[in-house]
Amino acid sequence: MDLAPPEPRAVLRVTRSLAIPLDELRWHFSASGGPGGQHANKASTRVEVVFDVASSPSLGPRQRARLLEEVGPVVRIVAREHRSQAMNREEAVRRLAARLADALRTRPVRRATAPTAASRARRLEDKRRQGERKQDRARARSPEQW
């Protein structure tokens, strides 16, 4: 008996550790609107893709918590720049992957530091220059303008 290997599911690769099957995404298509004549009025080229973060089985607990904190329970992306629905689909998937990857990225914690001597000197020099500029304006005005 010859068994065929199972069909690989199409996935959206977000990061090395996160791949979302495309069947978890909900797609909505509609007319793009705006100028464009008959093509814009009849073709459903506007693409909206929705990813449900809260109920996705593809996410691990830490990934889910991070995404819920950063982007909320549902991520909705709209693409309507191109005349073709296929190109708008590609654009929507690319934007979704970028938004999820950005939300999963951990940012370094900023530690407050004391201003350097040079930055303090620049600040004081700028203040002195601004004061001189205002003094020059006051001297330039004649007494009748007061």
Protein backbone atom coordinates (compact mmCIF):
# COMPACT_ATOMS: atom_id res chain seq x y z
CA MET A 1 0.00 0.00 0.00
CA ASP A 2 1.40 3.36 -1.06
CA LEU A 3 0.61 6.20 1.33
CA ALA A 4 1.14 9.72 0.08
CA PRO A 5 2.74 12.16 2.52
CA PRO A 6 0.27 14.58 4.07
CA GLU A 7 -0.17 17.90 2.31
CA PRO A 8 1.90 20.62 3.99
CA ARG A 9 -0.30 23.39 5.31
CA ALA A 10 0.44 26.86 4.01
CA VAL A 11 1.87 28.93 6.84
CA LEU A 12 2.72 32.55 7.53
CA ARG A 13 6.26 32.63 8.92
CA VAL A 14 6.37 35.49 11.47
CA THR A 15 9.57 34.69 13.37
CA ARG A 16 11.84 31.67 13.65
CA SER A 17 9.71 30.37 16.49
CA LEU A 18 6.26 31.36 15.17
CA ALA A 19 4.49 30.10 12.06
CA ILE A 20 0.75 30.67 11.71
CA PRO A 21 -1.26 28.39 9.40
CA LEU A 22 -3.07 30.49 6.82
CA ASP A 23 -6.36 28.74 7.63
CA GLU A 24 -6.35 30.59 10.99
CA LEU A 25 -6.72 33.89 9.15
CA ARG A 26 -10.15 35.26 8.22
CA TRP A 27 -10.35 37.09 4.90
CA HIS A 28 -12.85 39.73 3.79
CA PHE A 29 -12.95 41.23 0.30
CA SER A 30 -14.80 44.33 -0.85
CA ALA A 31 -14.71 47.08 -3.44
CA SER A 32 -11.81 49.42 -2.85
CA GLY A 33 -13.73 52.67 -3.35
CA GLY A 34 -12.43 55.97 -4.60
CA PRO A 35 -11.76 56.88 -8.22
CA GLY A 36 -11.00 54.22 -10.78
CA GLY A 37 -14.03 53.81 -13.00
CA GLN A 38 -15.74 50.53 -13.69
CA HIS A 39 -12.88 48.35 -12.44
CA ALA A 40 -12.94 49.96 -8.98
CA ASN A 41 -16.73 49.76 -8.82
CA LYS A 42 -17.00 46.08 -9.79
CA ALA A 43 -13.85 44.34 -8.56
CA SER A 44 -13.43 43.33 -4.93
CA THR A 45 -9.78 44.29 -4.61
CA ARG A 46 -9.81 45.64 -1.04
CA VAL A 47 -8.49 42.96 1.31
CA GLU A 48 -9.01 42.75 5.05
CA VAL A 49 -7.29 39.99 6.99
CA VAL A 50 -8.19 39.27 10.62
CA PHE A 51 -6.12 37.19 13.05
CA ASP A 52 -7.65 36.15 16.35
CA VAL A 53 -4.79 36.28 18.86
CA ALA A 54 -6.92 35.21 21.81
CA SER A 55 -8.01 31.86 20.36
CA SER A 56 -5.12 30.93 18.05
CA PRO A 57 -3.78 27.41 18.74
CA SER A 58 -0.48 28.31 17.03
CA LEU A 59 0.68 30.66 19.80
CA GLY A 60 2.51 29.61 22.91
CA PRO A 61 1.41 31.05 26.25
CA ARG A 62 4.17 33.68 26.38
CA GLN A 63 3.65 34.68 22.75
CA ARG A 64 -0.11 34.98 23.33
CA ALA A 65 0.38 37.09 26.47
CA ARG A 66 2.85 39.38 24.69
CA LEU A 67 0.60 39.84 21.64
CA LEU A 68 -2.49 40.45 23.77
CA GLU A 69 -0.57 43.14 25.65
CA GLU A 70 0.88 44.77 22.52
CA VAL A 71 -1.84 44.48 19.84
CA GLY A 72 -4.98 43.24 21.61
CA PRO A 73 -7.17 40.18 21.10
CA VAL A 74 -7.70 40.70 17.34
CA VAL A 75 -5.32 42.04 14.69
CA ARG A 76 -7.00 43.54 11.62
CA ILE A 77 -5.01 44.58 8.53
CA VAL A 78 -6.45 46.29 5.44
CA ALA A 79 -4.69 46.57 2.08
CA ARG A 80 -6.18 48.40 -0.90
CA GLU A 81 -3.25 50.07 -2.64
CA HIS A 82 -3.10 47.78 -5.67
CA ARG A 83 -5.61 47.16 -8.46
CA SER A 84 -5.21 43.42 -8.04
CA GLN A 85 -6.73 41.41 -5.20
CA ALA A 86 -3.78 39.00 -5.27
CA MET A 87 -1.27 41.81 -4.75
CA ASN A 88 -3.40 43.27 -1.94
CA ARG A 89 -3.54 39.80 -0.31
CA GLU A 90 0.26 39.58 -0.40
CA GLU A 91 0.55 43.10 1.03
CA ALA A 92 -1.91 42.31 3.84
CA VAL A 93 -0.03 39.12 4.79
CA ARG A 94 3.29 40.98 4.73
CA ARG A 95 1.90 43.74 6.99
CA LEU A 96 0.36 41.20 9.38
CA ALA A 97 3.68 39.37 9.72
CA ALA A 98 5.51 42.66 10.30
CA ARG A 99 3.01 43.83 12.95
CA LEU A 100 3.15 40.52 14.83
CA ALA A 101 6.95 40.32 14.63
CA ASP A 102 7.24 43.90 15.92
CA ALA A 103 4.87 43.16 18.80
CA LEU A 104 6.85 40.04 19.77
CA ARG A 105 10.19 41.90 19.75
CA THR A 106 11.41 42.70 23.25
CA ARG A 107 12.80 46.17 23.61
CA PRO A 108 15.73 46.89 25.91
CA VAL A 109 14.88 48.67 29.12
CA ARG A 110 16.09 52.26 29.07
CA ARG A 111 18.10 53.24 32.10
CA ALA A 112 18.12 56.92 32.92
CA THR A 113 21.58 58.45 32.96
CA ALA A 114 22.91 61.79 34.12
CA PRO A 115 23.48 64.40 31.41
CA THR A 116 27.08 64.66 30.22
CA ALA A 117 29.15 67.75 30.85
CA ALA A 118 29.10 68.55 27.13
CA SER A 119 25.28 68.34 26.93
CA ARG A 120 24.96 70.62 29.97
CA ALA A 121 27.36 73.11 28.36
CA ARG A 122 25.37 73.00 25.07
CA ARG A 123 22.12 73.59 26.93
CA LEU A 124 23.52 76.61 28.78
CA GLU A 125 25.06 78.01 25.58
CA ASP A 126 21.71 77.69 23.78
CA LYS A 127 19.96 79.44 26.67
CA ARG A 128 22.52 82.26 26.58
CA ARG A 129 22.13 82.66 22.80
CA GLN A 130 18.32 82.70 23.05
CA GLY A 131 18.53 85.38 25.77
CA GLU A 132 20.80 87.53 23.59
CA ARG A 133 18.41 87.15 20.66
CA LYS A 134 15.50 88.38 22.78
CA GLN A 135 17.57 91.27 24.17
CA ASP A 136 18.48 92.32 20.61
CA ARG A 137 14.80 92.32 19.66
CA ALA A 138 13.94 94.48 22.66
CA ARG A 139 16.72 96.98 21.78
CA ALA A 140 15.61 97.09 18.13
CA ARG A 141 12.09 98.27 19.06
CA SER A 142 11.65 102.02 19.38
CA PRO A 143 9.99 103.52 22.52
CA GLU A 144 6.82 104.47 20.55
CA GLN A 145 6.19 100.77 19.85
CA TRP A 146 5.91 100.02 23.57
